[in-house]
């Protein structure tokens, strides 16, 4: 089992979430489980699978640019007792293969780990065809799907280990690029359906997911400098959401969600759904990608366009307060 230390966290940060999972976690999964099978839609090298392929060539299939077929093949393998993990860019695996995931993972409950890499805006100059701003909304609407979104490279490995142990289908959303900011620098417990408390305050509560957890932590420091006390949660399980943590929002002046996803249908929507069932809840500020298509530029520029930098998040929280 992978252990988070300062050294391992730094290595995982350099590899990014994608490299951490397929450069380390998949290798360990194949070592421990001879029925583990890795499938990709022509993204082996870009996903850091070279070592895996060299060591476990009989537990690997490159299906080519045929994402729908890949999910169908994974479902067939699962039905025969294998433990498949299918991966490609998030935009293609969740939308091009949506019907197949709905039928095989949702309806038939086949145990498949579906990994969407390069989610959110990390594809940069590749443009809107490669940005993934709808996947959480799509996957959340499919019954029997567990949705995980790690905050950094180290937690990506920990969550992949949990996904391998899950009885049903799991969608893992990988955000960010190489040199992914570190959130976890020491061993921490991860449990599906439970958020992790990273920072405790008493005025504002922030629910963040993916690489926006790092942005939330940085924004919280800026807010503290202005005398605003902030709590930060890593909501790495988007579905099932930690309802207990969201219900605690009633103890704060303002609740905030931060995600690298369309403001509609993602974490903000999931939190709002829970909050509206309770009395005495505060206002909710949803920080995320605007409901529009962005002008293509580098990753940092795209985050700025959508006010997802720590400084802009701080400004929006102060305005809302």
C-alpha atoms as a PDB file:
ATOM      1  CA  UNK A   1       0.000   0.000   0.000  1.00  0.00           C
ATOM      2  CA  UNK A   2       1.296   3.429  -0.969  1.00  0.00           C
ATOM      3  CA  UNK A   3       2.330   5.714   1.900  1.00  0.00           C
ATOM      4  CA  UNK A   4       2.408   9.493   1.610  1.00  0.00           C
ATOM      5  CA  UNK A   5       5.676  11.045   2.802  1.00  0.00           C
ATOM      6  CA  UNK A   6       7.344  14.336   1.922  1.00  0.00           C
ATOM      7  CA  UNK A   7       9.523  12.513  -0.600  1.00  0.00           C
ATOM      8  CA  UNK A   8       6.757  10.436  -2.217  1.00  0.00           C
ATOM      9  CA  UNK A   9       4.468  13.483  -2.322  1.00  0.00           C
ATOM     10  CA  UNK A  10       7.146  15.481  -4.136  1.00  0.00           C
ATOM     11  CA  UNK A  11       7.670  12.693  -6.674  1.00  0.00           C
ATOM     12  CA  UNK A  12       3.927  12.386  -7.272  1.00  0.00           C
ATOM     13  CA  UNK A  13       3.686  16.152  -7.681  1.00  0.00           C
ATOM     14  CA  UNK A  14       6.277  16.062 -10.450  1.00  0.00           C
ATOM     15  CA  UNK A  15       4.458  13.213 -12.227  1.00  0.00           C
ATOM     16  CA  UNK A  16       1.033  14.816 -11.892  1.00  0.00           C
ATOM     17  CA  UNK A  17      -2.156  12.878 -11.216  1.00  0.00           C
ATOM     18  CA  UNK A  18      -2.063  10.949 -14.490  1.00  0.00           C
ATOM     19  CA  UNK A  19       1.580   9.910 -14.128  1.00  0.00           C
ATOM     20  CA  UNK A  20       1.085   8.962 -10.479  1.00  0.00           C
ATOM     21  CA  UNK A  21      -1.736   6.555 -11.268  1.00  0.00           C
ATOM     22  CA  UNK A  22      -0.335   4.880 -14.353  1.00  0.00           C
ATOM     23  CA  UNK A  23       3.318   5.235 -13.510  1.00  0.00           C
ATOM     24  CA  UNK A  24       2.967   3.784 -10.006  1.00  0.00           C
ATOM     25  CA  UNK A  25      -0.522   2.768  -8.913  1.00  0.00           C
ATOM     26  CA  UNK A  26      -1.359   0.610 -11.937  1.00  0.00           C
ATOM     27  CA  UNK A  27       1.973  -1.194 -11.626  1.00  0.00           C
ATOM     28  CA  UNK A  28       1.175  -2.066  -8.029  1.00  0.00           C
ATOM     29  CA  UNK A  29      -2.376  -3.121  -8.923  1.00  0.00           C
ATOM     30  CA  UNK A  30      -1.126  -5.549 -11.586  1.00  0.00           C
ATOM     31  CA  UNK A  31       1.500  -6.909  -9.194  1.00  0.00           C
ATOM     32  CA  UNK A  32      -1.116  -7.707  -6.548  1.00  0.00           C
ATOM     33  CA  UNK A  33      -3.924  -8.788  -8.871  1.00  0.00           C
ATOM     34  CA  UNK A  34      -3.321 -11.000 -11.918  1.00  0.00           C
ATOM     35  CA  UNK A  35      -6.854 -10.226 -13.086  1.00  0.00           C
ATOM     36  CA  UNK A  36      -6.168  -6.477 -13.270  1.00  0.00           C
ATOM     37  CA  UNK A  37      -6.295  -5.300 -16.902  1.00  0.00           C
ATOM     38  CA  UNK A  38      -5.355  -1.831 -18.170  1.00  0.00           C
ATOM     39  CA  UNK A  39      -6.976  -0.534 -21.356  1.00  0.00           C
ATOM     40  CA  UNK A  40      -6.289   2.735 -23.141  1.00  0.00           C
ATOM     41  CA  UNK A  41      -7.556   4.547 -26.220  1.00  0.00           C
ATOM     42  CA  UNK A  42      -4.147   5.361 -27.721  1.00  0.00           C
ATOM     43  CA  UNK A  43      -2.819   7.302 -24.717  1.00  0.00           C
ATOM     44  CA  UNK A  44      -0.252   4.853 -23.335  1.00  0.00           C
ATOM     45  CA  UNK A  45       2.871   7.018 -23.597  1.00  0.00           C
ATOM     46  CA  UNK A  46       1.154  10.290 -22.671  1.00  0.00           C
ATOM     47  CA  UNK A  47      -0.294   8.620 -19.563  1.00  0.00           C
ATOM     48  CA  UNK A  48       3.036   7.281 -18.321  1.00  0.00           C
ATOM     49  CA  UNK A  49       2.236   3.612 -18.970  1.00  0.00           C
ATOM     50  CA  UNK A  50       5.601   2.643 -20.500  1.00  0.00           C
ATOM     51  CA  UNK A  51       6.908   0.801 -17.416  1.00  0.00           C
ATOM     52  CA  UNK A  52       3.581  -0.927 -16.939  1.00  0.00           C
ATOM     53  CA  UNK A  53       3.500  -2.181 -20.536  1.00  0.00           C
ATOM     54  CA  UNK A  54       7.073  -3.451 -20.328  1.00  0.00           C
ATOM     55  CA  UNK A  55       6.385  -5.378 -17.132  1.00  0.00           C
ATOM     56  CA  UNK A  56       2.817  -6.559 -17.743  1.00  0.00           C
ATOM     57  CA  UNK A  57       2.296  -6.777 -21.528  1.00  0.00           C
ATOM     58  CA  UNK A  58      -0.350  -9.483 -21.112  1.00  0.00           C
ATOM     59  CA  UNK A  59      -2.411  -7.270 -18.818  1.00  0.00           C
ATOM     60  CA  UNK A  60      -2.579  -4.344 -21.230  1.00  0.00           C
ATOM     61  CA  UNK A  61      -4.661  -3.518 -24.310  1.00  0.00           C
ATOM     62  CA  UNK A  62      -4.389  -0.454 -26.534  1.00  0.00           C
ATOM     63  CA  UNK A  63      -7.780  -0.296 -28.216  1.00  0.00           C
ATOM     64  CA  UNK A  64      -6.864   2.707 -30.356  1.00  0.00           C
ATOM     65  CA  UNK A  65      -9.054   5.757 -30.822  1.00  0.00           C
ATOM     66  CA  UNK A  66     -12.227   3.757 -30.245  1.00  0.00           C
ATOM     67  CA  UNK A  67     -13.473   4.823 -26.833  1.00  0.00           C
ATOM     68  CA  UNK A  68     -16.920   3.243 -27.105  1.00  0.00           C
ATOM     69  CA  UNK A  69     -15.403  -0.093 -28.068  1.00  0.00           C
ATOM     70  CA  UNK A  70     -12.955   0.206 -25.183  1.00  0.00           C
ATOM     71  CA  UNK A  71     -15.777   0.445 -22.624  1.00  0.00           C
ATOM     72  CA  UNK A  72     -17.537  -2.500 -24.304  1.00  0.00           C
ATOM     73  CA  UNK A  73     -14.364  -4.599 -24.139  1.00  0.00           C
ATOM     74  CA  UNK A  74     -13.829  -3.596 -20.506  1.00  0.00           C
ATOM     75  CA  UNK A  75     -17.401  -4.666 -19.719  1.00  0.00           C
ATOM     76  CA  UNK A  76     -16.817  -8.039 -21.380  1.00  0.00           C
ATOM     77  CA  UNK A  77     -13.644  -8.541 -19.348  1.00  0.00           C
ATOM     78  CA  UNK A  78     -15.456  -7.570 -16.143  1.00  0.00           C
ATOM     79  CA  UNK A  79     -18.253 -10.011 -16.910  1.00  0.00           C
ATOM     80  CA  UNK A  80     -15.645 -12.774 -17.175  1.00  0.00           C
ATOM     81  CA  UNK A  81     -14.145 -11.987 -13.783  1.00  0.00           C
ATOM     82  CA  UNK A  82     -11.328  -9.627 -14.749  1.00  0.00           C
ATOM     83  CA  UNK A  83     -10.792  -6.223 -13.140  1.00  0.00           C
ATOM     84  CA  UNK A  84     -10.448  -3.692 -15.971  1.00  0.00           C
ATOM     85  CA  UNK A  85      -9.381  -0.066 -15.832  1.00  0.00           C
ATOM     86  CA  UNK A  86     -10.165   1.922 -18.998  1.00  0.00           C
ATOM     87  CA  UNK A  87      -8.675   5.350 -19.636  1.00  0.00           C
ATOM     88  CA  UNK A  88      -8.350   8.187 -22.117  1.00  0.00           C
ATOM     89  CA  UNK A  89      -8.952  11.942 -22.074  1.00  0.00           C
ATOM     90  CA  UNK A  90     -11.903  12.789 -19.849  1.00  0.00           C
ATOM     91  CA  UNK A  91     -13.849  14.616 -22.555  1.00  0.00           C
ATOM     92  CA  UNK A  92     -13.887  11.527 -24.786  1.00  0.00           C
ATOM     93  CA  UNK A  93     -14.359   8.763 -22.224  1.00  0.00           C
ATOM     94  CA  UNK A  94     -17.333  10.449 -20.530  1.00  0.00           C
ATOM     95  CA  UNK A  95     -19.180  11.919 -23.506  1.00  0.00           C
ATOM     96  CA  UNK A  96     -18.262   9.808 -26.503  1.00  0.00           C
ATOM     97  CA  UNK A  97     -18.705   6.696 -24.354  1.00  0.00           C
ATOM     98  CA  UNK A  98     -21.597   7.969 -22.253  1.00  0.00           C
ATOM     99  CA  UNK A  99     -24.135   5.418 -23.502  1.00  0.00           C
ATOM    100  CA  UNK A 100     -21.760   2.511 -22.963  1.00  0.00           C
ATOM    101  CA  UNK A 101     -20.890   3.663 -19.434  1.00  0.00           C
ATOM    102  CA  UNK A 102     -24.592   4.121 -18.686  1.00  0.00           C
ATOM    103  CA  UNK A 103     -25.487   0.604 -19.845  1.00  0.00           C
ATOM    104  CA  UNK A 104     -22.495  -1.425 -18.677  1.00  0.00           C
ATOM    105  CA  UNK A 105     -21.437   0.457 -15.527  1.00  0.00           C
ATOM    106  CA  UNK A 106     -24.720   1.973 -14.398  1.00  0.00           C
ATOM    107  CA  UNK A 107     -27.368  -0.494 -15.472  1.00  0.00           C
ATOM    108  CA  UNK A 108     -25.408  -3.759 -15.557  1.00  0.00           C
ATOM    109  CA  UNK A 109     -23.211  -2.752 -12.584  1.00  0.00           C
ATOM    110  CA  UNK A 110     -20.011  -4.132 -14.107  1.00  0.00           C
ATOM    111  CA  UNK A 111     -16.929  -3.400 -12.003  1.00  0.00           C
ATOM    112  CA  UNK A 112     -14.928  -1.071 -14.256  1.00  0.00           C
ATOM    113  CA  UNK A 113     -12.616   1.765 -13.222  1.00  0.00           C
ATOM    114  CA  UNK A 114     -13.162   4.539 -15.771  1.00  0.00           C
ATOM    115  CA  UNK A 115     -10.342   7.101 -15.652  1.00  0.00           C
ATOM    116  CA  UNK A 116     -10.725  10.464 -17.385  1.00  0.00           C
ATOM    117  CA  UNK A 117      -7.375  12.237 -17.669  1.00  0.00           C
ATOM    118  CA  UNK A 118      -6.708  15.861 -18.563  1.00  0.00           C
ATOM    119  CA  UNK A 119     -10.063  16.906 -17.112  1.00  0.00           C
ATOM    120  CA  UNK A 120     -11.075  20.518 -16.672  1.00  0.00           C
ATOM    121  CA  UNK A 121      -8.927  23.037 -18.538  1.00  0.00           C
ATOM    122  CA  UNK A 122      -5.507  21.374 -18.400  1.00  0.00           C
ATOM    123  CA  UNK A 123      -5.427  20.706 -22.162  1.00  0.00           C
ATOM    124  CA  UNK A 124      -4.611  24.369 -22.740  1.00  0.00           C
ATOM    125  CA  UNK A 125      -4.018  25.230 -26.380  1.00  0.00           C
ATOM    126  CA  UNK A 126      -5.712  21.997 -27.557  1.00  0.00           C
ATOM    127  CA  UNK A 127      -8.916  24.007 -27.296  1.00  0.00           C
ATOM    128  CA  UNK A 128     -12.531  23.448 -26.342  1.00  0.00           C
ATOM    129  CA  UNK A 129     -12.775  20.040 -28.013  1.00  0.00           C
ATOM    130  CA  UNK A 130     -10.353  18.813 -25.343  1.00  0.00           C
ATOM    131  CA  UNK A 131     -11.568  20.790 -22.328  1.00  0.00           C
ATOM    132  CA  UNK A 132     -13.769  18.755 -20.000  1.00  0.00           C
ATOM    133  CA  UNK A 133     -16.295  20.948 -18.228  1.00  0.00           C
ATOM    134  CA  UNK A 134     -19.317  18.596 -18.252  1.00  0.00           C
ATOM    135  CA  UNK A 135     -18.059  15.199 -17.065  1.00  0.00           C
ATOM    136  CA  UNK A 136     -19.107  15.444 -13.420  1.00  0.00           C
ATOM    137  CA  UNK A 137     -22.622  16.441 -14.453  1.00  0.00           C
ATOM    138  CA  UNK A 138     -22.827  13.550 -16.912  1.00  0.00           C
ATOM    139  CA  UNK A 139     -21.385  10.906 -14.582  1.00  0.00           C
ATOM    140  CA  UNK A 140     -23.379  12.116 -11.545  1.00  0.00           C
ATOM    141  CA  UNK A 141     -26.614  11.502 -13.423  1.00  0.00           C
ATOM    142  CA  UNK A 142     -25.830   7.811 -14.019  1.00  0.00           C
ATOM    143  CA  UNK A 143     -27.040   5.501 -11.231  1.00  0.00           C
ATOM    144  CA  UNK A 144     -24.575   3.203  -9.452  1.00  0.00           C
ATOM    145  CA  UNK A 145     -21.505   5.305 -10.302  1.00  0.00           C
ATOM    146  CA  UNK A 146     -18.965   6.322  -7.670  1.00  0.00           C
ATOM    147  CA  UNK A 147     -17.072   9.503  -8.627  1.00  0.00           C
ATOM    148  CA  UNK A 148     -13.606  10.332  -7.278  1.00  0.00           C
ATOM    149  CA  UNK A 149     -11.488  13.397  -8.008  1.00  0.00           C
ATOM    150  CA  UNK A 150      -8.070  13.560  -6.276  1.00  0.00           C
ATOM    151  CA  UNK A 151      -6.512  16.822  -5.150  1.00  0.00           C
ATOM    152  CA  UNK A 152      -2.924  15.933  -6.083  1.00  0.00           C
ATOM    153  CA  UNK A 153      -0.633  13.155  -7.315  1.00  0.00           C
ATOM    154  CA  UNK A 154      -0.235  11.433  -3.963  1.00  0.00           C
ATOM    155  CA  UNK A 155      -3.962  11.310  -3.212  1.00  0.00           C
ATOM    156  CA  UNK A 156      -4.541  10.056  -6.775  1.00  0.00           C
ATOM    157  CA  UNK A 157      -2.661   6.869  -5.893  1.00  0.00           C
ATOM    158  CA  UNK A 158      -4.556   6.479  -2.616  1.00  0.00           C
ATOM    159  CA  UNK A 159      -7.909   6.900  -4.358  1.00  0.00           C
ATOM    160  CA  UNK A 160      -6.944   4.496  -7.136  1.00  0.00           C
ATOM    161  CA  UNK A 161      -6.237   1.880  -4.468  1.00  0.00           C
ATOM    162  CA  UNK A 162      -9.736   2.463  -3.076  1.00  0.00           C
ATOM    163  CA  UNK A 163     -11.252   2.273  -6.564  1.00  0.00           C
ATOM    164  CA  UNK A 164      -9.652  -1.137  -7.085  1.00  0.00           C
ATOM    165  CA  UNK A 165     -11.398  -2.388  -3.929  1.00  0.00           C
ATOM    166  CA  UNK A 166     -14.838  -0.998  -4.805  1.00  0.00           C
ATOM    167  CA  UNK A 167     -17.473  -3.535  -5.800  1.00  0.00           C
ATOM    168  CA  UNK A 168     -19.088  -1.340  -8.439  1.00  0.00           C
ATOM    169  CA  UNK A 169     -18.053   1.056 -11.196  1.00  0.00           C
ATOM    170  CA  UNK A 170     -15.890   4.087 -10.420  1.00  0.00           C
ATOM    171  CA  UNK A 171     -15.193   7.211 -12.461  1.00  0.00           C
ATOM    172  CA  UNK A 172     -11.894   8.884 -11.554  1.00  0.00           C
ATOM    173  CA  UNK A 173     -11.437  12.465 -12.710  1.00  0.00           C
ATOM    174  CA  UNK A 174      -7.804  13.549 -13.084  1.00  0.00           C
ATOM    175  CA  UNK A 175      -7.086  17.286 -13.229  1.00  0.00           C
ATOM    176  CA  UNK A 176      -3.931  19.341 -13.580  1.00  0.00           C
ATOM    177  CA  UNK A 177      -0.655  18.712 -15.394  1.00  0.00           C
ATOM    178  CA  UNK A 178       2.909  17.815 -14.459  1.00  0.00           C
ATOM    179  CA  UNK A 179       4.177  19.506 -11.294  1.00  0.00           C
ATOM    180  CA  UNK A 180       0.716  19.320  -9.775  1.00  0.00           C
ATOM    181  CA  UNK A 181       0.615  21.372  -6.534  1.00  0.00           C
ATOM    182  CA  UNK A 182       0.972  19.261  -3.379  1.00  0.00           C
ATOM    183  CA  UNK A 183      -1.915  19.138  -0.927  1.00  0.00           C
ATOM    184  CA  UNK A 184      -1.044  16.001   1.050  1.00  0.00           C
ATOM    185  CA  UNK A 185       2.534  15.849   2.351  1.00  0.00           C
ATOM    186  CA  UNK A 186       2.035  13.132   4.939  1.00  0.00           C
ATOM    187  CA  UNK A 187      -0.075  10.011   5.388  1.00  0.00           C
ATOM    188  CA  UNK A 188      -3.813  10.700   5.530  1.00  0.00           C
ATOM    189  CA  UNK A 189      -6.928   8.543   5.650  1.00  0.00           C
ATOM    190  CA  UNK A 190      -9.186   8.438   2.595  1.00  0.00           C
ATOM    191  CA  UNK A 191     -12.647   6.916   2.728  1.00  0.00           C
ATOM    192  CA  UNK A 192     -15.126   6.923  -0.119  1.00  0.00           C
ATOM    193  CA  UNK A 193     -18.105   9.120   0.783  1.00  0.00           C
ATOM    194  CA  UNK A 194     -16.186  11.105   3.406  1.00  0.00           C
ATOM    195  CA  UNK A 195     -14.526  14.488   2.829  1.00  0.00           C
ATOM    196  CA  UNK A 196     -11.169  15.396   4.390  1.00  0.00           C
ATOM    197  CA  UNK A 197     -10.917  18.448   6.644  1.00  0.00           C
ATOM    198  CA  UNK A 198      -7.746  20.346   5.677  1.00  0.00           C
ATOM    199  CA  UNK A 199      -8.182  23.626   7.546  1.00  0.00           C
ATOM    200  CA  UNK A 200     -10.587  24.784  10.245  1.00  0.00           C
ATOM    201  CA  UNK A 201     -12.120  28.229  10.718  1.00  0.00           C
ATOM    202  CA  UNK A 202     -15.470  29.719  11.732  1.00  0.00           C
ATOM    203  CA  UNK A 203     -16.725  32.239   9.130  1.00  0.00           C
ATOM    204  CA  UNK A 204     -16.474  30.717   5.646  1.00  0.00           C
ATOM    205  CA  UNK A 205     -16.525  27.036   4.643  1.00  0.00           C
ATOM    206  CA  UNK A 206     -14.991  26.030   1.319  1.00  0.00           C
ATOM    207  CA  UNK A 207     -15.795  22.739  -0.406  1.00  0.00           C
ATOM    208  CA  UNK A 208     -13.179  22.154  -3.115  1.00  0.00           C
ATOM    209  CA  UNK A 209     -12.331  19.309  -5.474  1.00  0.00           C
ATOM    210  CA  UNK A 210      -9.439  18.281  -7.743  1.00  0.00           C
ATOM    211  CA  UNK A 211      -6.567  20.708  -8.224  1.00  0.00           C
ATOM    212  CA  UNK A 212      -8.864  23.462  -6.957  1.00  0.00           C
ATOM    213  CA  UNK A 213      -8.219  22.126  -3.455  1.00  0.00           C
ATOM    214  CA  UNK A 214      -4.738  23.652  -3.663  1.00  0.00           C
ATOM    215  CA  UNK A 215      -6.237  26.919  -4.950  1.00  0.00           C
ATOM    216  CA  UNK A 216      -8.730  26.871  -2.066  1.00  0.00           C
ATOM    217  CA  UNK A 217      -5.961  26.432   0.487  1.00  0.00           C
ATOM    218  CA  UNK A 218      -4.006  29.352  -0.982  1.00  0.00           C
ATOM    219  CA  UNK A 219      -7.142  31.518  -1.107  1.00  0.00           C
ATOM    220  CA  UNK A 220      -7.855  30.661   2.530  1.00  0.00           C
ATOM    221  CA  UNK A 221      -4.429  32.011   3.548  1.00  0.00           C
ATOM    222  CA  UNK A 222      -5.132  35.250   1.680  1.00  0.00           C
ATOM    223  CA  UNK A 223      -8.504  35.518   3.423  1.00  0.00           C
ATOM    224  CA  UNK A 224      -6.955  34.848   6.825  1.00  0.00           C
ATOM    225  CA  UNK A 225      -4.567  37.756   6.167  1.00  0.00           C
ATOM    226  CA  UNK A 226      -7.660  39.941   5.860  1.00  0.00           C
ATOM    227  CA  UNK A 227      -9.116  38.638   9.109  1.00  0.00           C
ATOM    228  CA  UNK A 228     -11.574  36.144   7.591  1.00  0.00           C
ATOM    229  CA  UNK A 229     -11.531  32.692   9.227  1.00  0.00           C
ATOM    230  CA  UNK A 230     -11.897  29.811   6.739  1.00  0.00           C
ATOM    231  CA  UNK A 231     -12.586  26.064   6.824  1.00  0.00           C
ATOM    232  CA  UNK A 232     -11.470  23.998   3.803  1.00  0.00           C
ATOM    233  CA  UNK A 233     -12.671  20.514   2.857  1.00  0.00           C
ATOM    234  CA  UNK A 234     -11.289  18.246   0.138  1.00  0.00           C
ATOM    235  CA  UNK A 235     -14.457  16.797  -1.427  1.00  0.00           C
ATOM    236  CA  UNK A 236     -12.604  14.040  -3.295  1.00  0.00           C
ATOM    237  CA  UNK A 237     -15.758  11.916  -3.387  1.00  0.00           C
ATOM    238  CA  UNK A 238     -18.192  13.821  -5.571  1.00  0.00           C
ATOM    239  CA  UNK A 239     -20.661  10.914  -5.504  1.00  0.00           C
ATOM    240  CA  UNK A 240     -21.736   9.807  -2.951  1.00  0.00           C
ATOM    241  CA  UNK A 241     -21.216  13.253  -1.464  1.00  0.00           C
ATOM    242  CA  UNK A 242     -20.474  13.665   2.239  1.00  0.00           C
ATOM    243  CA  UNK A 243     -23.864  14.970   3.340  1.00  0.00           C
ATOM    244  CA  UNK A 244     -22.798  15.372   6.976  1.00  0.00           C
ATOM    245  CA  UNK A 245     -20.011  17.788   6.028  1.00  0.00           C
ATOM    246  CA  UNK A 246     -22.332  19.789   3.766  1.00  0.00           C
ATOM    247  CA  UNK A 247     -24.992  19.963   6.482  1.00  0.00           C
ATOM    248  CA  UNK A 248     -22.368  21.625   8.689  1.00  0.00           C
ATOM    249  CA  UNK A 249     -22.525  24.664   6.386  1.00  0.00           C
ATOM    250  CA  UNK A 250     -25.273  26.041   8.644  1.00  0.00           C
ATOM    251  CA  UNK A 251     -22.534  26.924  11.140  1.00  0.00           C
ATOM    252  CA  UNK A 252     -20.913  29.451   8.761  1.00  0.00           C
ATOM    253  CA  UNK A 253     -21.736  32.849   7.276  1.00  0.00           C
ATOM    254  CA  UNK A 254     -20.970  31.710   3.731  1.00  0.00           C
ATOM    255  CA  UNK A 255     -20.493  28.403   1.931  1.00  0.00           C
ATOM    256  CA  UNK A 256     -18.265  28.217  -1.177  1.00  0.00           C
ATOM    257  CA  UNK A 257     -17.664  25.484  -3.748  1.00  0.00           C
ATOM    258  CA  UNK A 258     -14.612  25.536  -6.016  1.00  0.00           C
ATOM    259  CA  UNK A 259     -14.250  23.224  -8.994  1.00  0.00           C
ATOM    260  CA  UNK A 260     -12.590  23.056 -12.405  1.00  0.00           C
ATOM    261  CA  UNK A 261     -15.938  22.190 -13.978  1.00  0.00           C
ATOM    262  CA  UNK A 262     -19.007  23.998 -15.243  1.00  0.00           C
ATOM    263  CA  UNK A 263     -20.788  25.682 -12.346  1.00  0.00           C
ATOM    264  CA  UNK A 264     -23.846  23.714 -13.470  1.00  0.00           C
ATOM    265  CA  UNK A 265     -24.127  20.046 -12.586  1.00  0.00           C
ATOM    266  CA  UNK A 266     -20.846  19.517 -10.739  1.00  0.00           C
ATOM    267  CA  UNK A 267     -19.734  19.809  -7.118  1.00  0.00           C
ATOM    268  CA  UNK A 268     -21.525  23.135  -6.640  1.00  0.00           C
ATOM    269  CA  UNK A 269     -24.787  21.609  -7.793  1.00  0.00           C
ATOM    270  CA  UNK A 270     -24.287  18.550  -5.570  1.00  0.00           C
ATOM    271  CA  UNK A 271     -23.664  20.757  -2.523  1.00  0.00           C
ATOM    272  CA  UNK A 272     -26.642  22.977  -3.379  1.00  0.00           C
ATOM    273  CA  UNK A 273     -28.907  19.931  -3.646  1.00  0.00           C
ATOM    274  CA  UNK A 274     -28.016  18.906  -0.097  1.00  0.00           C
ATOM    275  CA  UNK A 275     -28.205  22.438   1.321  1.00  0.00           C
ATOM    276  CA  UNK A 276     -31.692  23.109  -0.036  1.00  0.00           C
ATOM    277  CA  UNK A 277     -33.018  20.171   1.990  1.00  0.00           C
ATOM    278  CA  UNK A 278     -32.015  21.855   5.257  1.00  0.00           C
ATOM    279  CA  UNK A 279     -33.301  24.942   7.065  1.00  0.00           C
ATOM    280  CA  UNK A 280     -31.035  27.753   8.214  1.00  0.00           C
ATOM    281  CA  UNK A 281     -28.396  27.387   5.515  1.00  0.00           C
ATOM    282  CA  UNK A 282     -26.132  30.316   4.487  1.00  0.00           C
ATOM    283  CA  UNK A 283     -25.725  31.703   0.977  1.00  0.00           C
ATOM    284  CA  UNK A 284     -23.735  29.562  -1.446  1.00  0.00           C
ATOM    285  CA  UNK A 285     -21.042  30.929  -3.772  1.00  0.00           C
ATOM    286  CA  UNK A 286     -20.233  28.550  -6.619  1.00  0.00           C
ATOM    287  CA  UNK A 287     -16.796  29.142  -8.138  1.00  0.00           C
ATOM    288  CA  UNK A 288     -16.208  27.213 -11.333  1.00  0.00           C
ATOM    289  CA  UNK A 289     -16.021  27.382 -15.102  1.00  0.00           C
ATOM    290  CA  UNK A 290     -18.473  29.822 -16.653  1.00  0.00           C
ATOM    291  CA  UNK A 291     -21.322  28.270 -18.651  1.00  0.00           C
ATOM    292  CA  UNK A 292     -19.574  29.096 -21.921  1.00  0.00           C
ATOM    293  CA  UNK A 293     -16.660  28.032 -24.112  1.00  0.00           C
ATOM    294  CA  UNK A 294     -13.357  29.732 -23.350  1.00  0.00           C
ATOM    295  CA  UNK A 295     -10.817  31.392 -25.601  1.00  0.00           C
ATOM    296  CA  UNK A 296      -7.989  28.861 -25.960  1.00  0.00           C
ATOM    297  CA  UNK A 297      -4.780  29.742 -24.125  1.00  0.00           C
ATOM    298  CA  UNK A 298      -2.446  28.178 -21.587  1.00  0.00           C
ATOM    299  CA  UNK A 299      -3.729  26.504 -18.431  1.00  0.00           C
ATOM    300  CA  UNK A 300      -3.081  29.438 -16.103  1.00  0.00           C
ATOM    301  CA  UNK A 301      -4.789  31.815 -18.518  1.00  0.00           C
ATOM    302  CA  UNK A 302      -7.854  29.589 -18.679  1.00  0.00           C
ATOM    303  CA  UNK A 303      -8.079  29.468 -14.903  1.00  0.00           C
ATOM    304  CA  UNK A 304      -7.857  33.265 -14.784  1.00  0.00           C
ATOM    305  CA  UNK A 305     -10.613  33.599 -17.413  1.00  0.00           C
ATOM    306  CA  UNK A 306     -12.873  31.683 -15.049  1.00  0.00           C
ATOM    307  CA  UNK A 307     -11.719  33.447 -11.864  1.00  0.00           C
ATOM    308  CA  UNK A 308     -10.213  30.245 -10.469  1.00  0.00           C
ATOM    309  CA  UNK A 309      -6.899  31.657  -9.241  1.00  0.00           C
ATOM    310  CA  UNK A 310      -6.445  32.054  -5.458  1.00  0.00           C
ATOM    311  CA  UNK A 311      -6.469  35.859  -5.706  1.00  0.00           C
ATOM    312  CA  UNK A 312      -9.666  36.011  -7.751  1.00  0.00           C
ATOM    313  CA  UNK A 313     -11.353  33.408  -5.555  1.00  0.00           C
ATOM    314  CA  UNK A 314     -10.483  35.541  -2.536  1.00  0.00           C
ATOM    315  CA  UNK A 315     -11.976  38.630  -4.195  1.00  0.00           C
ATOM    316  CA  UNK A 316     -15.231  36.844  -5.033  1.00  0.00           C
ATOM    317  CA  UNK A 317     -15.583  35.484  -1.502  1.00  0.00           C
ATOM    318  CA  UNK A 318     -15.040  38.937   0.032  1.00  0.00           C
ATOM    319  CA  UNK A 319     -17.596  40.437  -2.392  1.00  0.00           C
ATOM    320  CA  UNK A 320     -20.135  37.761  -1.496  1.00  0.00           C
ATOM    321  CA  UNK A 321     -19.562  38.272   2.224  1.00  0.00           C
END
